[in-house]
Protein backbone atom coordinates (compact mmCIF):
# COMPACT_ATOMS: atom_id res chain seq x y z
CA UNK A 1 -17.47 9.46 3.27
CA UNK A 2 -19.91 11.95 4.67
CA UNK A 3 -21.60 11.93 8.03
CA UNK A 4 -24.61 13.87 9.19
CA UNK A 5 -25.48 14.04 12.86
CA UNK A 6 -28.77 15.43 14.10
CA UNK A 7 -29.96 14.75 17.61
CA UNK A 8 -29.82 11.04 18.25
CA UNK A 9 -29.31 10.01 14.63
CA UNK A 10 -26.18 9.46 12.57
CA UNK A 11 -26.16 9.11 8.79
CA UNK A 12 -23.13 7.82 6.87
CA UNK A 13 -23.00 8.19 3.07
CA UNK A 14 -20.34 6.36 1.04
CA UNK A 15 -19.21 6.84 -2.55
CA UNK A 16 -18.79 3.93 -4.96
CA UNK A 17 -15.06 3.63 -4.22
CA UNK A 18 -15.66 3.72 -0.47
CA UNK A 19 -18.30 0.99 -0.67
CA UNK A 20 -15.88 -1.12 -2.71
CA UNK A 21 -13.05 -0.58 -0.20
CA UNK A 22 -15.39 -1.46 2.69
CA UNK A 23 -16.58 -4.63 0.93
CA UNK A 24 -13.04 -5.72 0.03
CA UNK A 25 -11.05 -4.62 3.09
CA UNK A 26 -13.65 -4.65 5.85
CA UNK A 27 -13.14 -1.02 6.88
CA UNK A 28 -13.16 2.58 5.67
CA UNK A 29 -11.83 5.55 7.63
CA UNK A 30 -11.77 9.35 7.39
CA UNK A 31 -11.00 12.27 9.68
CA UNK A 32 -11.22 16.03 10.15
CA UNK A 33 -8.32 17.88 11.76
CA UNK A 34 -9.30 20.74 14.08
CA UNK A 35 -5.70 21.73 14.81
CA UNK A 36 -4.96 20.22 18.20
CA UNK A 37 -7.87 17.75 18.02
CA UNK A 38 -8.68 15.24 15.31
CA UNK A 39 -12.24 13.96 14.84
CA UNK A 40 -12.37 10.63 13.03
CA UNK A 41 -15.05 8.28 11.82
CA UNK A 42 -15.07 4.84 10.31
CA UNK A 43 -17.24 2.01 9.13
CA UNK A 44 -16.04 -1.51 9.87
CA UNK A 45 -17.45 -4.93 9.09
CA UNK A 46 -18.01 -7.16 12.11
CA UNK A 47 -18.87 -10.86 11.92
CA UNK A 48 -20.29 -10.90 15.46
CA UNK A 49 -23.28 -8.58 14.99
CA UNK A 50 -26.65 -8.83 13.24
CA UNK A 51 -27.49 -5.12 12.90
CA UNK A 52 -25.73 -1.79 12.66
CA UNK A 53 -24.08 -0.65 15.88
CA UNK A 54 -22.09 2.45 16.80
CA UNK A 55 -19.67 3.66 19.43
CA UNK A 56 -17.89 6.93 20.20
CA UNK A 57 -14.54 6.97 22.01
CA UNK A 58 -11.54 9.32 21.91
CA UNK A 59 -13.15 11.63 19.29
CA UNK A 60 -13.81 8.66 16.98
CA UNK A 61 -17.18 7.34 15.76
CA UNK A 62 -17.18 3.71 14.71
CA UNK A 63 -20.17 2.40 12.78
CA UNK A 64 -20.18 -1.39 12.78
CA UNK A 65 -21.92 -3.23 9.94
CA UNK A 66 -22.63 -6.97 9.85
CA UNK A 67 -19.91 -8.60 7.75
CA UNK A 68 -22.48 -10.81 6.03
CA UNK A 69 -24.12 -7.67 4.59
CA UNK A 70 -21.00 -5.61 3.93
CA UNK A 71 -19.00 -8.23 2.05
CA UNK A 72 -21.37 -8.11 -0.92
CA UNK A 73 -22.68 -4.53 -0.66
CA UNK A 74 -20.59 -3.26 -3.58
CA UNK A 75 -21.91 -6.05 -5.82
CA UNK A 76 -25.63 -5.64 -5.09
CA UNK A 77 -28.36 -3.02 -5.52
CA UNK A 78 -29.08 -2.50 -1.84
CA UNK A 79 -28.90 1.24 -1.15
CA UNK A 80 -29.59 1.66 2.55
CA UNK A 81 -29.12 -0.11 5.86
CA UNK A 82 -30.62 1.31 9.03
CA UNK A 83 -31.17 0.27 12.60
CA UNK A 84 -32.37 1.82 15.83
CA UNK A 85 -29.63 0.99 18.29
CA UNK A 86 -30.02 0.99 22.07
CA UNK A 87 -26.77 2.11 23.71
CA UNK A 88 -25.30 0.68 26.89
CA UNK A 89 -26.49 3.85 28.64
CA UNK A 90 -30.07 3.09 27.58
CA UNK A 91 -30.70 5.82 25.02
CA UNK A 92 -31.83 5.12 21.47
CA UNK A 93 -29.61 6.04 18.51
CA UNK A 94 -30.84 5.83 14.91
CA UNK A 95 -28.13 4.64 12.49
CA UNK A 96 -28.30 4.99 8.71
CA UNK A 97 -25.69 3.79 6.22
CA UNK A 98 -26.27 4.43 2.53
CA UNK A 99 -24.74 4.73 -0.90
CA UNK A 100 -24.20 8.38 -1.84
CA UNK A 101 -26.11 9.53 -4.94
CA UNK A 102 -25.35 12.57 -7.06
CA UNK A 103 -27.39 15.61 -6.05
CA UNK A 104 -30.36 16.78 -8.08
CA UNK A 105 -29.48 20.44 -7.57
CA UNK A 106 -26.28 22.32 -8.32
CA UNK A 107 -23.54 21.78 -5.77
CA UNK A 108 -19.88 22.70 -5.60
CA UNK A 109 -18.71 19.39 -4.13
CA UNK A 110 -17.06 16.74 -6.27
CA UNK A 111 -19.67 14.08 -7.07
CA UNK A 112 -17.72 12.18 -9.71
CA UNK A 113 -17.58 9.00 -7.56
CA UNK A 114 -21.17 9.14 -6.33
CA UNK A 115 -23.76 6.66 -7.51
CA UNK A 116 -25.96 7.88 -10.38
CA UNK A 117 -29.17 9.34 -9.01
CA UNK A 118 -32.11 7.19 -10.17
CA UNK A 119 -34.31 10.29 -10.34
CA UNK A 120 -32.15 11.67 -13.17
CA UNK A 121 -33.10 8.91 -15.62
């Protein structure tokens, strides 16, 4: 799972295996250890929401996805979910959740579990 944060937007990209785990188990989790502090992030399915939502507490970002969409995400061709989310503090946060495609350019990262890029066909 990769995350990209820029200003008031957060983008999560999941590999094929991660999308399958999310669809089957209802959650996916990862973290980065900074020594004495751990930053973690997860995507969870939630039956009580209609759109993507996010929260940040104790160095942990949680992206919530409607369970009705996430349960079948691995089995369908939907690539992206997005939503502009208004926080409890009143600011606007853009959320993007997508399947991770292989890159078109050369990269050193392992892409063996990424979705095939449709632009390569």
